Amino acid sequence: MMLYPAMIALGLAVVFLGMQVVWAWRLAVCYPPKQALANPGAQLPRVAVVLSVRGADPSLVECLRCLLRQDYPHYEVHIIVDSDSDPAWDLLRPLLDDEAPVDVQVRVLETKHETCSLKVSALAQAIQQLGPSVEVVALIDADVIPYAGWLRDLVGPFSDKKIGATTGVRWYMPDTGGWGSQVRCVWNAAASSQMFAFRIPWGGSMAFRARLFWDTELLTLWKRSFCEDTVSYGILRRLGLGVAFVPAATMVNPESISLRNCFSFIRRQMLTVRLHHPHWQWVRLVGLGSVLTLLMLLAVCGASVAGRDFLSAGLMAIALGMYCVGLASAMAWIDVALRSVARNRGDAIPAFSWKLALAGPLAQGIYLAALVSVSFLRKVDWRGITYELYGRTPVRLTRYQPFHAEPMLTDRAESVV
């Protein structure tokens, strides 16, 4: 009889599906049907926007153009380029030759710390060179295209003195139907609700009170870390400061990615949580539990059919249907809310792809492989640089080399990994 294993599998399905649905609901309800407009008369702090560049991201030109057209009265932009020979210069120079409406400082990365990633070294260099008038430091990734009110929305929560940082969320809406792009889209949908539940910030659209870099050990901690965002949550919590989630600062990413690079991307995202977030064990438990529960439902269903236990087989079939439909519905719930936000501010919204439905099982398998492998990972590659990992937090840059892009078609908007 497979009834007892079936009941266990059903119980696990209820638990893990319930968590995903609740988290998706909590994230979706953060998005009101109509976004409130920022108060144009509010007292706004001076902001320094910092952008680290290594490689020519497909969205880099549009990212910078939109940064220079922010609806914000007083801000400056600091760009740190990885090297003199970086291919990003070919995209940046034509823009920088024109007279910018805001103060733009572009420098080459001078100090490459061996105990952190190149991105963190670049951010640290820019922040250390800021003037005393800067009150807020905003971070943005080169694959993010900020809308006109991005800075206003990101800075708004700082009116509450208990808020030390703010963060948006990324949402992938690829223009192409490649399997890697669809898998990343599905994985990110589930990851976004978990990031919200576990308070995992995203450095691609994030802001800090500038005084934190002068009055606390935050910048010192960054220089011993693989990333700047996930590691910040712990110190902010110790300081009694919160990280405010800004629904309006949802950044749509239309880039594509290959299946192989998608796996590397997902694994690197999980690595940052493993290295730097206090709730890593819970994140891993939920991830492994969700995927293994699905596999258990399939296994018990197959064994029940083979053993002619049709009661258990029917129960498992119903549970499988509810589990898959429930997960898909939870992710679609968030997607509808986010598409509404993006559409209201004029973002280009690609049509829904039928491949997303088929990409779900593939995403589960890739996520499981990434979770298992990241637990034993001792080396990781990021944009052509290999980093060695020692224990929980120490990171070692083994050998530096300038970025060299692989030859690709000019009309391909593929993410740089």
Protein backbone atom coordinates (compact mmCIF):
# COMPACT_ATOMS: atom_id res chain seq x y z
CA MET A 1 0.00 0.00 0.00
CA MET A 2 1.26 3.46 -0.96
CA LEU A 3 -1.31 5.34 1.11
CA TYR A 4 1.10 6.41 3.87
CA PRO A 5 3.80 7.70 1.47
CA ALA A 6 1.02 9.43 -0.46
CA MET A 7 -0.21 11.19 2.68
CA ILE A 8 3.34 12.29 3.53
CA ALA A 9 3.86 13.63 0.00
CA LEU A 10 0.51 15.41 0.14
CA GLY A 11 1.41 17.02 3.48
CA LEU A 12 4.72 18.28 2.12
CA ALA A 13 2.97 19.65 -0.95
CA VAL A 14 0.53 21.58 1.21
CA VAL A 15 3.36 23.06 3.30
CA PHE A 16 5.67 24.13 0.48
CA LEU A 17 2.92 25.23 -1.87
CA GLY A 18 1.32 27.17 0.95
CA MET A 19 4.53 29.09 1.62
CA GLN A 20 4.99 29.99 -2.05
CA VAL A 21 1.39 31.16 -2.39
CA VAL A 22 1.53 33.27 0.77
CA TRP A 23 4.82 34.88 -0.23
CA ALA A 24 3.54 35.58 -3.74
CA TRP A 25 0.39 37.14 -2.30
CA ARG A 26 2.40 39.34 0.08
CA LEU A 27 4.54 40.59 -2.80
CA ALA A 28 1.65 41.08 -5.22
CA VAL A 29 -0.46 43.14 -2.80
CA CYS A 30 2.44 45.60 -2.44
CA TYR A 31 1.58 46.79 -5.93
CA PRO A 32 -1.50 49.05 -5.83
CA PRO A 33 -3.66 49.20 -8.97
CA LYS A 34 -2.39 52.73 -9.55
CA GLN A 35 1.00 53.94 -8.35
CA ALA A 36 0.97 57.13 -6.27
CA LEU A 37 2.92 60.00 -7.76
CA ALA A 38 5.94 61.27 -5.84
CA ASN A 39 5.44 64.64 -4.14
CA PRO A 40 7.18 67.19 -6.43
CA GLY A 41 7.50 69.67 -3.55
CA ALA A 42 9.13 67.29 -1.09
CA GLN A 43 12.56 68.07 0.36
CA LEU A 44 14.89 65.74 -1.49
CA PRO A 45 18.43 64.87 -0.39
CA ARG A 46 21.42 65.15 -2.70
CA VAL A 47 22.08 61.77 -4.30
CA ALA A 48 25.16 60.18 -5.83
CA VAL A 49 24.34 57.39 -8.29
CA VAL A 50 27.13 54.82 -8.62
CA LEU A 51 27.48 52.54 -11.63
CA SER A 52 30.13 49.82 -11.92
CA VAL A 53 30.97 48.80 -15.50
CA ARG A 54 32.84 45.72 -16.71
CA GLY A 55 31.93 44.65 -20.22
CA ALA A 56 29.49 46.18 -22.69
CA ASP A 57 26.05 45.23 -21.38
CA PRO A 58 23.35 45.44 -24.07
CA SER A 59 21.38 47.93 -21.94
CA LEU A 60 24.36 50.10 -20.96
CA VAL A 61 23.70 52.95 -23.41
CA GLU A 62 20.03 53.19 -22.52
CA CYS A 63 20.86 52.85 -18.82
CA LEU A 64 23.13 55.90 -18.94
CA ARG A 65 20.77 57.92 -21.11
CA CYS A 66 17.94 57.39 -18.67
CA LEU A 67 20.21 58.12 -15.70
CA LEU A 68 20.93 61.52 -17.18
CA ARG A 69 17.22 62.26 -17.61
CA GLN A 70 16.01 61.62 -14.07
CA ASP A 71 13.20 63.75 -12.69
CA TYR A 72 15.29 64.76 -9.69
CA PRO A 73 16.60 68.22 -8.77
CA HIS A 74 20.13 67.53 -7.51
CA TYR A 75 22.10 64.38 -8.15
CA GLU A 76 25.41 63.30 -9.62
CA VAL A 77 26.51 60.17 -11.47
CA HIS A 78 29.75 58.28 -10.80
CA ILE A 79 30.85 55.59 -13.26
CA ILE A 80 33.77 53.29 -12.54
CA VAL A 81 35.01 51.42 -15.63
CA ASP A 82 37.01 48.26 -15.04
CA SER A 83 39.99 49.10 -17.29
CA ASP A 84 41.23 51.41 -20.05
CA SER A 85 40.68 48.65 -22.61
CA ASP A 86 37.18 47.68 -21.53
CA PRO A 87 34.78 47.31 -24.51
CA ALA A 88 32.26 49.47 -22.64
CA TRP A 89 34.27 52.58 -23.63
CA ASP A 90 33.05 52.22 -27.21
CA LEU A 91 29.51 52.70 -25.95
CA LEU A 92 30.25 55.30 -23.27
CA ARG A 93 32.45 57.75 -25.15
CA PRO A 94 29.81 58.98 -27.66
CA LEU A 95 27.46 59.69 -24.77
CA LEU A 96 30.10 61.33 -22.59
CA ASP A 97 31.24 63.59 -25.44
CA ASP A 98 27.87 65.33 -25.34
CA GLU A 99 27.25 67.90 -22.64
CA ALA A 100 25.49 66.11 -19.79
CA PRO A 101 22.64 67.84 -17.91
CA VAL A 102 24.04 66.54 -14.59
CA ASP A 103 27.48 66.13 -13.07
CA VAL A 104 29.01 62.89 -14.43
CA GLN A 105 32.33 61.56 -13.18
CA VAL A 106 33.93 58.65 -15.06
CA ARG A 107 37.03 56.95 -13.69
CA VAL A 108 38.95 53.75 -14.26
CA LEU A 109 39.08 51.22 -11.42
CA GLU A 110 42.34 51.89 -9.60
CA THR A 111 42.41 49.51 -6.62
CA LYS A 112 41.34 45.93 -7.18
CA HIS A 113 40.94 44.46 -3.71
CA GLU A 114 41.75 40.75 -3.57
CA THR A 115 39.21 40.13 -0.81
CA CYS A 116 36.07 41.13 -2.71
CA SER A 117 34.62 41.14 -6.20
CA LEU A 118 35.66 43.70 -8.81
CA LYS A 119 32.18 45.20 -8.64
CA VAL A 120 32.53 45.85 -4.92
CA SER A 121 36.00 47.36 -5.47
CA ALA A 122 34.50 49.75 -8.02
CA LEU A 123 31.62 50.76 -5.75
CA ALA A 124 33.97 51.28 -2.82
CA GLN A 125 36.27 53.50 -4.91
CA ALA A 126 33.40 55.72 -6.04
CA ILE A 127 31.89 56.02 -2.56
CA GLN A 128 35.23 56.94 -0.96
CA GLN A 129 35.58 59.82 -3.44
CA LEU A 130 32.17 61.38 -2.70
CA GLY A 131 31.85 64.86 -1.25
CA PRO A 132 30.29 65.66 2.14
CA SER A 133 27.15 67.13 0.55
CA VAL A 134 25.95 63.70 -0.60
CA GLU A 135 23.20 62.36 1.65
CA VAL A 136 22.12 59.25 -0.26
CA VAL A 137 24.12 56.78 -2.35
CA ALA A 138 22.10 54.99 -5.05
CA LEU A 139 23.38 51.87 -6.80
CA ILE A 140 22.36 50.70 -10.24
CA ASP A 141 23.47 47.85 -12.51
CA ALA A 142 24.43 48.33 -16.15
CA ASP A 143 21.58 46.05 -17.28
CA VAL A 144 18.95 48.23 -15.59
CA ILE A 145 17.05 50.93 -17.49
CA PRO A 146 15.72 53.44 -14.92
CA TYR A 147 12.45 55.25 -15.60
CA ALA A 148 12.25 59.03 -15.06
CA GLY A 149 10.98 58.85 -11.47
CA TRP A 150 13.32 56.07 -10.35
CA LEU A 151 15.44 58.22 -8.02
CA ARG A 152 12.42 59.93 -6.45
CA ASP A 153 10.79 56.58 -5.71
CA LEU A 154 13.99 55.03 -4.36
CA VAL A 155 14.72 57.98 -2.06
CA GLY A 156 11.15 58.46 -0.80
CA PRO A 157 11.25 56.00 2.16
CA PHE A 158 14.22 57.82 3.72
CA SER A 159 11.75 60.27 5.24
CA ASP A 160 11.46 57.55 7.88
CA LYS A 161 14.60 57.74 10.03
CA LYS A 162 14.39 54.02 10.80
CA ILE A 163 15.10 53.16 7.17
CA GLY A 164 18.76 52.64 6.33
CA ALA A 165 18.41 51.37 2.76
CA THR A 166 15.83 50.93 0.04
CA THR A 167 15.60 48.35 -2.72
CA GLY A 168 13.58 47.53 -5.79
CA VAL A 169 13.09 44.20 -7.50
CA ARG A 170 14.14 42.86 -10.89
CA TRP A 171 11.73 41.21 -13.27
CA TYR A 172 12.77 39.45 -16.46
CA MET A 173 10.56 39.87 -19.52
CA PRO A 174 12.74 38.56 -22.37
CA ASP A 175 11.98 39.59 -25.94
CA THR A 176 13.20 36.23 -27.25
CA GLY A 177 11.82 32.77 -26.58
CA GLY A 178 15.09 30.95 -25.88
CA TRP A 179 14.92 28.29 -23.19
CA GLY A 180 17.58 29.93 -21.03
CA SER A 181 15.66 33.22 -21.04
CA GLN A 182 12.38 31.51 -20.14
CA VAL A 183 13.98 29.46 -17.34
CA ARG A 184 15.53 32.58 -15.83
CA CYS A 185 12.17 34.32 -16.04
CA VAL A 186 10.42 31.48 -14.19
CA TRP A 187 13.18 31.11 -11.59
CA ASN A 188 13.28 34.85 -10.91
CA ALA A 189 9.51 34.97 -10.41
CA ALA A 190 9.80 32.48 -7.54
CA ALA A 191 13.03 34.02 -6.25
CA SER A 192 11.50 37.51 -6.08
CA SER A 193 8.83 36.43 -3.60
CA GLN A 194 11.47 34.65 -1.50
CA MET A 195 13.74 37.71 -1.58
CA PHE A 196 10.82 39.77 -0.29
CA ALA A 197 9.99 37.20 2.41
CA PHE A 198 13.59 36.80 3.63
CA ARG A 199 14.52 40.49 3.24
CA ILE A 200 17.18 39.89 0.58
CA PRO A 201 17.91 43.24 -1.10
CA TRP A 202 18.95 43.68 -4.72
CA GLY A 203 21.90 45.93 -5.54
CA GLY A 204 20.78 46.58 -9.10
CA SER A 205 18.31 49.15 -7.80
CA MET A 206 19.24 50.09 -4.24
CA ALA A 207 20.03 53.14 -2.11
CA PHE A 208 21.75 53.77 1.25
CA ARG A 209 22.00 56.66 3.65
CA ALA A 210 25.47 58.02 2.88
CA ARG A 211 26.37 58.41 6.55
CA LEU A 212 26.36 54.63 6.92
CA PHE A 213 29.56 54.49 4.88
CA TRP A 214 31.29 57.00 7.16
CA ASP A 215 29.85 56.12 10.59
CA THR A 216 29.70 52.32 10.46
CA GLU A 217 31.78 49.39 9.25
CA LEU A 218 29.57 48.90 6.19
CA LEU A 219 32.21 49.80 3.60
CA THR A 220 34.86 47.73 5.40
CA LEU A 221 32.48 44.78 5.36
CA TRP A 222 31.91 45.24 1.62
CA LYS A 223 35.64 44.99 0.97
CA ARG A 224 35.58 41.46 2.43
CA SER A 225 32.51 40.34 0.51
CA PHE A 226 31.50 38.88 -2.82
CA CYS A 227 28.57 41.26 -3.24
CA GLU A 228 27.33 44.56 -1.85
CA ASP A 229 23.61 43.96 -1.44
CA THR A 230 22.96 40.69 0.41
CA VAL A 231 25.75 41.31 2.91
CA SER A 232 24.29 44.70 3.87
CA TYR A 233 21.13 43.26 5.40
CA GLY A 234 22.92 41.82 8.43
CA ILE A 235 24.71 45.00 9.47
CA LEU A 236 21.62 47.14 8.90
CA ARG A 237 19.63 44.79 11.13
CA ARG A 238 22.31 45.01 13.85
CA LEU A 239 22.08 48.80 13.66
CA GLY A 240 18.33 48.66 14.12
CA LEU A 241 17.69 49.99 10.60
CA GLY A 242 15.30 48.56 8.05
CA VAL A 243 15.50 47.89 4.33
CA ALA A 244 12.43 49.36 2.65
CA PHE A 245 11.03 47.55 -0.35
CA VAL A 246 9.98 50.02 -3.07
CA PRO A 247 7.37 48.42 -5.37
CA ALA A 248 7.56 51.28 -7.86
CA ALA A 249 11.28 50.60 -8.37
CA THR A 250 10.57 47.34 -10.17
CA MET A 251 13.06 47.16 -13.01
CA VAL A 252 12.13 45.22 -16.16
CA ASN A 253 14.98 43.40 -17.89
CA PRO A 254 14.34 42.33 -21.53
CA GLU A 255 17.74 40.66 -22.08
CA SER A 256 18.14 37.07 -23.21
CA ILE A 257 20.49 34.40 -21.87
CA SER A 258 21.63 30.93 -22.93
CA LEU A 259 20.67 27.88 -20.88
CA ARG A 260 24.28 27.31 -19.83
CA ASN A 261 24.75 30.91 -18.70
CA CYS A 262 21.37 30.80 -17.00
CA PHE A 263 22.61 27.99 -14.74
CA SER A 264 25.78 29.97 -13.92
CA PHE A 265 23.68 33.05 -13.18
CA ILE A 266 21.27 31.24 -10.86
CA ARG A 267 24.11 29.50 -9.03
CA ARG A 268 25.93 32.80 -8.49
CA GLN A 269 22.77 34.38 -7.09
CA MET A 270 22.42 31.53 -4.64
CA LEU A 271 26.10 31.84 -3.75
CA THR A 272 25.63 35.42 -2.54
CA VAL A 273 22.90 34.20 -0.19
CA ARG A 274 25.03 31.29 1.01
CA LEU A 275 27.98 33.56 1.75
CA HIS A 276 26.29 36.57 3.23
CA HIS A 277 22.69 36.16 4.34
CA PRO A 278 21.74 34.98 7.85
CA HIS A 279 18.75 33.01 6.52
CA TRP A 280 20.67 30.90 4.00
CA GLN A 281 19.73 27.61 5.67
CA TRP A 282 16.04 28.50 5.44
CA VAL A 283 16.40 29.57 1.81
CA ARG A 284 18.13 26.30 0.99
CA LEU A 285 15.54 24.25 2.91
CA VAL A 286 12.65 25.89 1.06
CA GLY A 287 14.38 25.49 -2.31
CA LEU A 288 15.32 21.85 -1.84
CA GLY A 289 12.00 21.04 -0.18
CA SER A 290 9.91 22.52 -2.99
CA VAL A 291 11.76 20.65 -5.75
CA LEU A 292 12.05 17.36 -3.85
CA THR A 293 8.36 17.47 -2.94
CA LEU A 294 7.50 17.66 -6.63
CA LEU A 295 9.79 14.70 -7.34
CA MET A 296 8.25 12.75 -4.45
CA LEU A 297 4.75 13.36 -5.80
CA LEU A 298 5.84 12.02 -9.18
CA ALA A 299 7.61 9.00 -7.65
CA VAL A 300 4.71 8.02 -5.39
CA CYS A 301 2.25 8.48 -8.24
CA GLY A 302 4.33 6.22 -10.51
CA ALA A 303 4.81 3.60 -7.80
CA SER A 304 1.08 3.62 -7.02
CA VAL A 305 0.18 3.04 -10.65
CA ALA A 306 2.74 0.23 -10.89
CA GLY A 307 1.32 -1.35 -7.74
CA ARG A 308 -2.26 -0.89 -8.93
CA ASP A 309 -3.02 1.24 -5.89
CA PHE A 310 -5.38 3.54 -7.78
CA LEU A 311 -6.59 5.38 -4.69
CA SER A 312 -3.09 6.61 -3.89
CA ALA A 313 -2.39 7.22 -7.59
CA GLY A 314 -5.53 9.35 -7.90
CA LEU A 315 -4.64 11.26 -4.77
CA MET A 316 -1.15 11.96 -6.10
CA ALA A 317 -2.48 13.00 -9.50
CA ILE A 318 -4.77 15.54 -7.85
CA ALA A 319 -1.93 16.75 -5.62
CA LEU A 320 0.40 17.09 -8.61
CA GLY A 321 -2.16 19.10 -10.52
CA MET A 322 -2.84 21.38 -7.55
CA TYR A 323 0.89 21.81 -6.88
CA CYS A 324 1.77 22.77 -10.45
CA VAL A 325 -1.28 24.97 -10.97
CA GLY A 326 -0.76 26.59 -7.57
CA LEU A 327 2.86 27.49 -8.28
CA ALA A 328 2.03 28.77 -11.75
CA SER A 329 -0.88 30.82 -10.42
CA ALA A 330 1.24 32.34 -7.66
CA MET A 331 3.90 33.44 -10.14
CA ALA A 332 1.29 34.71 -12.61
CA TRP A 333 -0.31 36.73 -9.81
CA ILE A 334 2.92 38.66 -9.30
CA ASP A 335 3.53 38.95 -13.04
CA VAL A 336 0.15 40.60 -13.62
CA ALA A 337 0.84 43.16 -10.88
CA LEU A 338 4.32 43.95 -12.19
CA ARG A 339 3.21 44.21 -15.81
CA SER A 340 0.63 46.77 -14.73
CA VAL A 341 3.33 48.88 -13.05
CA ALA A 342 5.65 48.63 -16.06
CA ARG A 343 2.87 49.39 -18.53
CA ASN A 344 1.72 52.49 -16.60
CA ARG A 345 5.18 54.05 -16.82
CA GLY A 346 5.57 53.27 -20.51
CA ASP A 347 7.96 50.30 -20.43
CA ALA A 348 7.94 47.98 -23.43
CA ILE A 349 6.12 44.78 -22.44
CA PRO A 350 6.76 41.68 -24.57
CA ALA A 351 3.94 39.24 -25.22
CA PHE A 352 3.52 36.21 -22.98
CA SER A 353 5.41 33.19 -24.32
CA TRP A 354 3.90 29.71 -24.30
CA LYS A 355 7.37 28.40 -23.51
CA LEU A 356 7.03 29.70 -19.95
CA ALA A 357 4.65 26.85 -19.12
CA LEU A 358 7.12 24.26 -20.40
CA ALA A 359 10.06 26.06 -18.83
CA GLY A 360 8.64 25.47 -15.34
CA PRO A 361 9.81 21.84 -14.91
CA LEU A 362 13.15 22.68 -16.53
CA ALA A 363 13.58 25.59 -14.11
CA GLN A 364 12.93 23.26 -11.17
CA GLY A 365 15.67 20.89 -12.35
CA ILE A 366 18.20 23.65 -12.94
CA TYR A 367 17.37 25.24 -9.59
CA LEU A 368 17.90 21.92 -7.81
CA ALA A 369 21.26 21.45 -9.55
CA ALA A 370 22.30 25.00 -8.64
CA LEU A 371 21.30 24.55 -4.99
CA VAL A 372 23.19 21.28 -4.64
CA SER A 373 26.33 22.49 -6.42
CA VAL A 374 26.51 25.85 -4.64
CA SER A 375 26.71 24.11 -1.28
CA PHE A 376 30.07 22.65 -2.31
CA LEU A 377 31.30 25.46 -4.56
CA ARG A 378 34.86 26.60 -3.90
CA LYS A 379 35.47 28.62 -7.08
CA VAL A 380 33.17 30.85 -9.10
CA ASP A 381 33.62 32.71 -12.38
CA TRP A 382 32.10 36.15 -12.86
CA ARG A 383 32.68 38.09 -16.05
CA GLY A 384 35.98 36.40 -16.80
CA ILE A 385 37.40 36.52 -13.27
CA THR A 386 37.78 33.50 -11.00
CA TYR A 387 37.17 33.94 -7.28
CA GLU A 388 38.15 31.36 -4.68
CA LEU A 389 35.96 30.88 -1.62
CA TYR A 390 37.21 30.05 1.85
CA GLY A 391 34.65 29.13 4.47
CA ARG A 392 31.53 31.24 4.91
CA THR A 393 32.66 34.75 3.92
CA PRO A 394 36.30 35.13 2.77
CA VAL A 395 36.66 35.73 -0.97
CA ARG A 396 39.91 35.75 -2.91
CA LEU A 397 40.39 37.21 -6.40
CA THR A 398 42.94 34.82 -7.86
CA ARG A 399 44.07 36.63 -11.00
CA TYR A 400 42.92 39.84 -12.66
CA GLN A 401 42.57 40.34 -16.39
CA PRO A 402 40.71 43.00 -18.41
CA PHE A 403 37.37 42.01 -19.79
CA HIS A 404 37.36 40.48 -23.27
CA ALA A 405 33.96 39.94 -24.82
CA GLU A 406 33.26 36.84 -26.87
CA PRO A 407 32.40 37.61 -30.51
CA MET A 408 28.65 37.93 -30.94
CA LEU A 409 26.12 39.30 -33.34
CA THR A 410 25.53 43.01 -32.79
CA ASP A 411 21.77 42.60 -32.76
CA ARG A 412 21.79 40.09 -29.90
CA ALA A 413 20.73 41.53 -26.56
CA GLU A 414 22.28 38.77 -24.46
CA SER A 415 23.18 39.29 -20.82
CA VAL A 416 26.86 39.57 -19.93
CA VAL A 417 27.66 37.01 -17.23
